[in-house]
Amino acid sequence: MDEDHVDRILAQWRRERPDIDVEPMGVLGRLARLSTYLGREIEKTFLELGLSSASFDVLAALRRSGRPYRLSPGDLLATTMITSGTMTNRIDQLEKAGLVERLSNPEDRRSVLIALKPEGLDLVERAVTAHVANQHRLTALLEPDEQSALDAILRKYLTAFE
């Protein structure tokens, strides 16, 4: 198996601190480095469509909600791990771009719903298609059985934190 950057770091620590087990550093270091590389590749796809991953997250949440593609700001917030101020800023930017609109909530006049405009729906449809194609490209480095095994391991690991 080829040596990676993390292997070189681990070798240095094993030489300098043979008294400690640095194996977990390998797992976590590789996850961190992969996250950075994959994040860059994913962001490129969104940038080609004039989006950021943050704006895609909001548009995709609205699209996944199903017709009529409307959610309250609180429901949008629940789909992300950001503050309400950050969500307000994202909605403001998407509204300025003509991709979403704020509508009065017919069930509660004191609140609003965030709705995809036709332009936003068209853009998120193109973006999700490109995003999924890119994900296939990025995971094609692994055989299907390797993808399944990695997915199972990561699910187990992630659910321990969630």
C-alpha atoms as a PDB file:
ATOM      1  CA  MET A   1       0.000   0.000   0.000  1.00  0.00           C
ATOM      2  CA  ASP A   2       1.236   3.497  -0.839  1.00  0.00           C
ATOM      3  CA  GLU A   3       2.462   5.762   1.914  1.00  0.00           C
ATOM      4  CA  ASP A   4       0.542   8.975   2.533  1.00  0.00           C
ATOM      5  CA  HIS A   5       1.319  12.215   4.354  1.00  0.00           C
ATOM      6  CA  VAL A   6      -0.157  10.882   7.588  1.00  0.00           C
ATOM      7  CA  ASP A   7       2.177   7.859   7.479  1.00  0.00           C
ATOM      8  CA  ARG A   8       5.159  10.210   7.493  1.00  0.00           C
ATOM      9  CA  ILE A   9       3.786  12.132  10.490  1.00  0.00           C
ATOM     10  CA  LEU A  10       3.118   8.892  12.368  1.00  0.00           C
ATOM     11  CA  ALA A  11       6.641   7.661  11.647  1.00  0.00           C
ATOM     12  CA  GLN A  12       8.053  10.872  13.084  1.00  0.00           C
ATOM     13  CA  TRP A  13       5.971  10.530  16.261  1.00  0.00           C
ATOM     14  CA  ARG A  14       6.888   6.852  16.627  1.00  0.00           C
ATOM     15  CA  ARG A  15      10.551   7.815  16.391  1.00  0.00           C
ATOM     16  CA  GLU A  16      10.256  10.762  18.784  1.00  0.00           C
ATOM     17  CA  ARG A  17       7.698   9.293  21.206  1.00  0.00           C
ATOM     18  CA  PRO A  18       7.857   5.492  21.033  1.00  0.00           C
ATOM     19  CA  ASP A  19       6.128   5.392  24.415  1.00  0.00           C
ATOM     20  CA  ILE A  20       2.715   6.450  23.024  1.00  0.00           C
ATOM     21  CA  ASP A  21       0.311   4.698  20.646  1.00  0.00           C
ATOM     22  CA  VAL A  22      -0.301   7.080  17.723  1.00  0.00           C
ATOM     23  CA  GLU A  23      -2.644   4.793  15.730  1.00  0.00           C
ATOM     24  CA  PRO A  24      -5.754   6.940  16.458  1.00  0.00           C
ATOM     25  CA  MET A  25      -3.841   9.923  15.070  1.00  0.00           C
ATOM     26  CA  GLY A  26      -3.719   8.075  11.757  1.00  0.00           C
ATOM     27  CA  VAL A  27      -7.475   7.511  11.600  1.00  0.00           C
ATOM     28  CA  LEU A  28      -8.378  11.035  12.659  1.00  0.00           C
ATOM     29  CA  GLY A  29      -5.658  12.667  10.577  1.00  0.00           C
ATOM     30  CA  ARG A  30      -6.801  10.866   7.457  1.00  0.00           C
ATOM     31  CA  LEU A  31     -10.443  11.754   8.105  1.00  0.00           C
ATOM     32  CA  ALA A  32      -9.485  15.414   8.524  1.00  0.00           C
ATOM     33  CA  ARG A  33      -7.332  15.516   5.397  1.00  0.00           C
ATOM     34  CA  LEU A  34      -9.964  13.695   3.334  1.00  0.00           C
ATOM     35  CA  SER A  35     -12.632  16.078   4.577  1.00  0.00           C
ATOM     36  CA  THR A  36     -10.544  19.008   3.369  1.00  0.00           C
ATOM     37  CA  TYR A  37      -9.837  17.492  -0.050  1.00  0.00           C
ATOM     38  CA  LEU A  38     -13.425  16.338  -0.589  1.00  0.00           C
ATOM     39  CA  GLY A  39     -14.819  19.663   0.609  1.00  0.00           C
ATOM     40  CA  ARG A  40     -12.720  21.514  -1.971  1.00  0.00           C
ATOM     41  CA  GLU A  41     -13.914  19.228  -4.766  1.00  0.00           C
ATOM     42  CA  ILE A  42     -17.543  19.591  -3.721  1.00  0.00           C
ATOM     43  CA  GLU A  43     -17.257  23.376  -3.432  1.00  0.00           C
ATOM     44  CA  LYS A  44     -15.870  23.573  -7.004  1.00  0.00           C
ATOM     45  CA  THR A  45     -19.065  22.013  -8.355  1.00  0.00           C
ATOM     46  CA  PHE A  46     -21.238  24.535  -6.509  1.00  0.00           C
ATOM     47  CA  LEU A  47     -19.050  27.477  -7.564  1.00  0.00           C
ATOM     48  CA  GLU A  48     -19.497  26.498 -11.214  1.00  0.00           C
ATOM     49  CA  LEU A  49     -23.222  27.099 -10.681  1.00  0.00           C
ATOM     50  CA  GLY A  50     -22.734  30.338  -8.751  1.00  0.00           C
ATOM     51  CA  LEU A  51     -23.471  28.733  -5.380  1.00  0.00           C
ATOM     52  CA  SER A  52     -21.618  28.013  -2.176  1.00  0.00           C
ATOM     53  CA  SER A  53     -22.123  24.884  -0.118  1.00  0.00           C
ATOM     54  CA  ALA A  54     -23.977  27.078   2.408  1.00  0.00           C
ATOM     55  CA  SER A  55     -26.475  28.376  -0.139  1.00  0.00           C
ATOM     56  CA  PHE A  56     -26.856  24.890  -1.616  1.00  0.00           C
ATOM     57  CA  ASP A  57     -27.705  23.544   1.846  1.00  0.00           C
ATOM     58  CA  VAL A  58     -30.653  25.924   2.159  1.00  0.00           C
ATOM     59  CA  LEU A  59     -31.905  25.373  -1.382  1.00  0.00           C
ATOM     60  CA  ALA A  60     -31.519  21.599  -1.038  1.00  0.00           C
ATOM     61  CA  ALA A  61     -33.408  21.564   2.282  1.00  0.00           C
ATOM     62  CA  LEU A  62     -36.292  23.413   0.643  1.00  0.00           C
ATOM     63  CA  ARG A  63     -36.233  21.043  -2.357  1.00  0.00           C
ATOM     64  CA  ARG A  64     -36.119  17.920  -0.152  1.00  0.00           C
ATOM     65  CA  SER A  65     -39.146  19.162   1.789  1.00  0.00           C
ATOM     66  CA  GLY A  66     -41.344  18.401  -1.222  1.00  0.00           C
ATOM     67  CA  ARG A  67     -44.016  20.506  -2.841  1.00  0.00           C
ATOM     68  CA  PRO A  68     -44.691  23.363  -2.342  1.00  0.00           C
ATOM     69  CA  TYR A  69     -40.989  23.672  -1.302  1.00  0.00           C
ATOM     70  CA  ARG A  70     -41.606  25.852   1.738  1.00  0.00           C
ATOM     71  CA  LEU A  71     -40.244  25.687   5.271  1.00  0.00           C
ATOM     72  CA  SER A  72     -40.263  27.947   8.289  1.00  0.00           C
ATOM     73  CA  PRO A  73     -36.912  29.466   9.212  1.00  0.00           C
ATOM     74  CA  GLY A  74     -36.966  27.237  12.318  1.00  0.00           C
ATOM     75  CA  ASP A  75     -37.438  24.104  10.222  1.00  0.00           C
ATOM     76  CA  LEU A  76     -34.597  25.198   7.965  1.00  0.00           C
ATOM     77  CA  LEU A  77     -32.444  25.808  11.018  1.00  0.00           C
ATOM     78  CA  ALA A  78     -33.180  22.289  12.276  1.00  0.00           C
ATOM     79  CA  THR A  79     -31.658  20.808   9.100  1.00  0.00           C
ATOM     80  CA  THR A  80     -28.317  22.538   9.674  1.00  0.00           C
ATOM     81  CA  MET A  81     -25.785  23.108  12.439  1.00  0.00           C
ATOM     82  CA  ILE A  82     -25.683  26.903  12.287  1.00  0.00           C
ATOM     83  CA  THR A  83     -26.970  29.807  14.357  1.00  0.00           C
ATOM     84  CA  SER A  84     -30.236  31.591  13.620  1.00  0.00           C
ATOM     85  CA  GLY A  85     -28.294  34.723  12.663  1.00  0.00           C
ATOM     86  CA  THR A  86     -26.305  32.784  10.105  1.00  0.00           C
ATOM     87  CA  MET A  87     -29.508  31.267   8.700  1.00  0.00           C
ATOM     88  CA  THR A  88     -31.090  34.721   8.426  1.00  0.00           C
ATOM     89  CA  ASN A  89     -28.032  35.909   6.487  1.00  0.00           C
ATOM     90  CA  ARG A  90     -28.198  32.915   4.123  1.00  0.00           C
ATOM     91  CA  ILE A  91     -31.902  33.481   3.496  1.00  0.00           C
ATOM     92  CA  ASP A  92     -31.294  37.207   2.914  1.00  0.00           C
ATOM     93  CA  GLN A  93     -28.590  36.437   0.330  1.00  0.00           C
ATOM     94  CA  LEU A  94     -30.749  33.874  -1.471  1.00  0.00           C
ATOM     95  CA  GLU A  95     -33.679  36.292  -1.455  1.00  0.00           C
ATOM     96  CA  LYS A  96     -31.494  39.052  -2.951  1.00  0.00           C
ATOM     97  CA  ALA A  97     -30.424  36.588  -5.651  1.00  0.00           C
ATOM     98  CA  GLY A  98     -34.086  35.940  -6.491  1.00  0.00           C
ATOM     99  CA  LEU A  99     -33.926  32.262  -5.544  1.00  0.00           C
ATOM    100  CA  VAL A 100     -36.220  32.246  -2.486  1.00  0.00           C
ATOM    101  CA  GLU A 101     -38.962  34.429  -1.096  1.00  0.00           C
ATOM    102  CA  ARG A 102     -40.487  35.066   2.281  1.00  0.00           C
ATOM    103  CA  LEU A 103     -44.218  34.369   2.408  1.00  0.00           C
ATOM    104  CA  SER A 104     -46.722  34.960   5.180  1.00  0.00           C
ATOM    105  CA  ASN A 105     -47.526  31.722   6.946  1.00  0.00           C
ATOM    106  CA  PRO A 106     -51.250  31.078   6.335  1.00  0.00           C
ATOM    107  CA  GLU A 107     -51.406  29.080   9.581  1.00  0.00           C
ATOM    108  CA  ASP A 108     -49.737  31.753  11.713  1.00  0.00           C
ATOM    109  CA  ARG A 109     -49.756  35.371  10.506  1.00  0.00           C
ATOM    110  CA  ARG A 110     -46.913  36.211  12.917  1.00  0.00           C
ATOM    111  CA  SER A 111     -44.471  33.968  11.083  1.00  0.00           C
ATOM    112  CA  VAL A 112     -43.104  33.532   7.586  1.00  0.00           C
ATOM    113  CA  LEU A 113     -42.264  30.635   5.338  1.00  0.00           C
ATOM    114  CA  ILE A 114     -39.222  30.501   3.100  1.00  0.00           C
ATOM    115  CA  ALA A 115     -40.200  29.295  -0.356  1.00  0.00           C
ATOM    116  CA  LEU A 116     -38.224  28.326  -3.433  1.00  0.00           C
ATOM    117  CA  LYS A 117     -38.937  30.591  -6.365  1.00  0.00           C
ATOM    118  CA  PRO A 118     -38.994  28.969  -9.831  1.00  0.00           C
ATOM    119  CA  GLU A 119     -35.435  30.233 -10.438  1.00  0.00           C
ATOM    120  CA  GLY A 120     -34.297  28.642  -7.180  1.00  0.00           C
ATOM    121  CA  LEU A 121     -35.991  25.360  -8.021  1.00  0.00           C
ATOM    122  CA  ASP A 122     -34.327  25.290 -11.435  1.00  0.00           C
ATOM    123  CA  LEU A 123     -30.918  26.048  -9.935  1.00  0.00           C
ATOM    124  CA  VAL A 124     -31.157  23.493  -7.140  1.00  0.00           C
ATOM    125  CA  GLU A 125     -32.278  20.821  -9.630  1.00  0.00           C
ATOM    126  CA  ARG A 126     -29.170  21.470 -11.724  1.00  0.00           C
ATOM    127  CA  ALA A 127     -26.984  21.704  -8.627  1.00  0.00           C
ATOM    128  CA  VAL A 128     -28.138  18.446  -7.068  1.00  0.00           C
ATOM    129  CA  THR A 129     -27.660  16.635 -10.379  1.00  0.00           C
ATOM    130  CA  ALA A 130     -24.107  17.980 -10.678  1.00  0.00           C
ATOM    131  CA  HIS A 131     -23.439  17.330  -6.972  1.00  0.00           C
ATOM    132  CA  VAL A 132     -24.486  13.676  -7.159  1.00  0.00           C
ATOM    133  CA  ALA A 133     -22.441  13.140 -10.334  1.00  0.00           C
ATOM    134  CA  ASN A 134     -19.439  14.665  -8.545  1.00  0.00           C
ATOM    135  CA  GLN A 135     -20.009  12.425  -5.520  1.00  0.00           C
ATOM    136  CA  HIS A 136     -19.988   9.398  -7.821  1.00  0.00           C
ATOM    137  CA  ARG A 137     -16.695  10.626  -9.314  1.00  0.00           C
ATOM    138  CA  LEU A 138     -15.160  11.155  -5.878  1.00  0.00           C
ATOM    139  CA  THR A 139     -16.201   7.757  -4.518  1.00  0.00           C
ATOM    140  CA  ALA A 140     -15.280   5.862  -7.705  1.00  0.00           C
ATOM    141  CA  LEU A 141     -11.757   5.564  -6.304  1.00  0.00           C
ATOM    142  CA  LEU A 142     -13.169   2.800  -4.087  1.00  0.00           C
ATOM    143  CA  GLU A 143     -14.669  -0.487  -5.225  1.00  0.00           C
ATOM    144  CA  PRO A 144     -18.404  -0.860  -4.489  1.00  0.00           C
ATOM    145  CA  ASP A 145     -17.748  -3.282  -1.618  1.00  0.00           C
ATOM    146  CA  GLU A 146     -15.155  -0.879  -0.179  1.00  0.00           C
ATOM    147  CA  GLN A 147     -17.683   1.971  -0.398  1.00  0.00           C
ATOM    148  CA  SER A 148     -20.250  -0.135   1.477  1.00  0.00           C
ATOM    149  CA  ALA A 149     -17.756  -1.155   4.146  1.00  0.00           C
ATOM    150  CA  LEU A 150     -16.525   2.417   4.631  1.00  0.00           C
ATOM    151  CA  ASP A 151     -20.101   3.698   4.791  1.00  0.00           C
ATOM    152  CA  ALA A 152     -20.972   1.155   7.493  1.00  0.00           C
ATOM    153  CA  ILE A 153     -17.893   2.034   9.549  1.00  0.00           C
ATOM    154  CA  LEU A 154     -18.496   5.778   9.257  1.00  0.00           C
ATOM    155  CA  ARG A 155     -22.195   5.355  10.152  1.00  0.00           C
ATOM    156  CA  LYS A 156     -21.235   3.429  13.280  1.00  0.00           C
ATOM    157  CA  TYR A 157     -18.678   6.045  14.236  1.00  0.00           C
ATOM    158  CA  LEU A 158     -20.964   9.003  13.525  1.00  0.00           C
ATOM    159  CA  THR A 159     -23.969   7.608  15.388  1.00  0.00           C
ATOM    160  CA  ALA A 160     -21.809   7.310  18.499  1.00  0.00           C
ATOM    161  CA  PHE A 161     -21.536  11.114  18.466  1.00  0.00           C
ATOM    162  CA  GLU A 162     -25.063  11.911  17.327  1.00  0.00           C
END
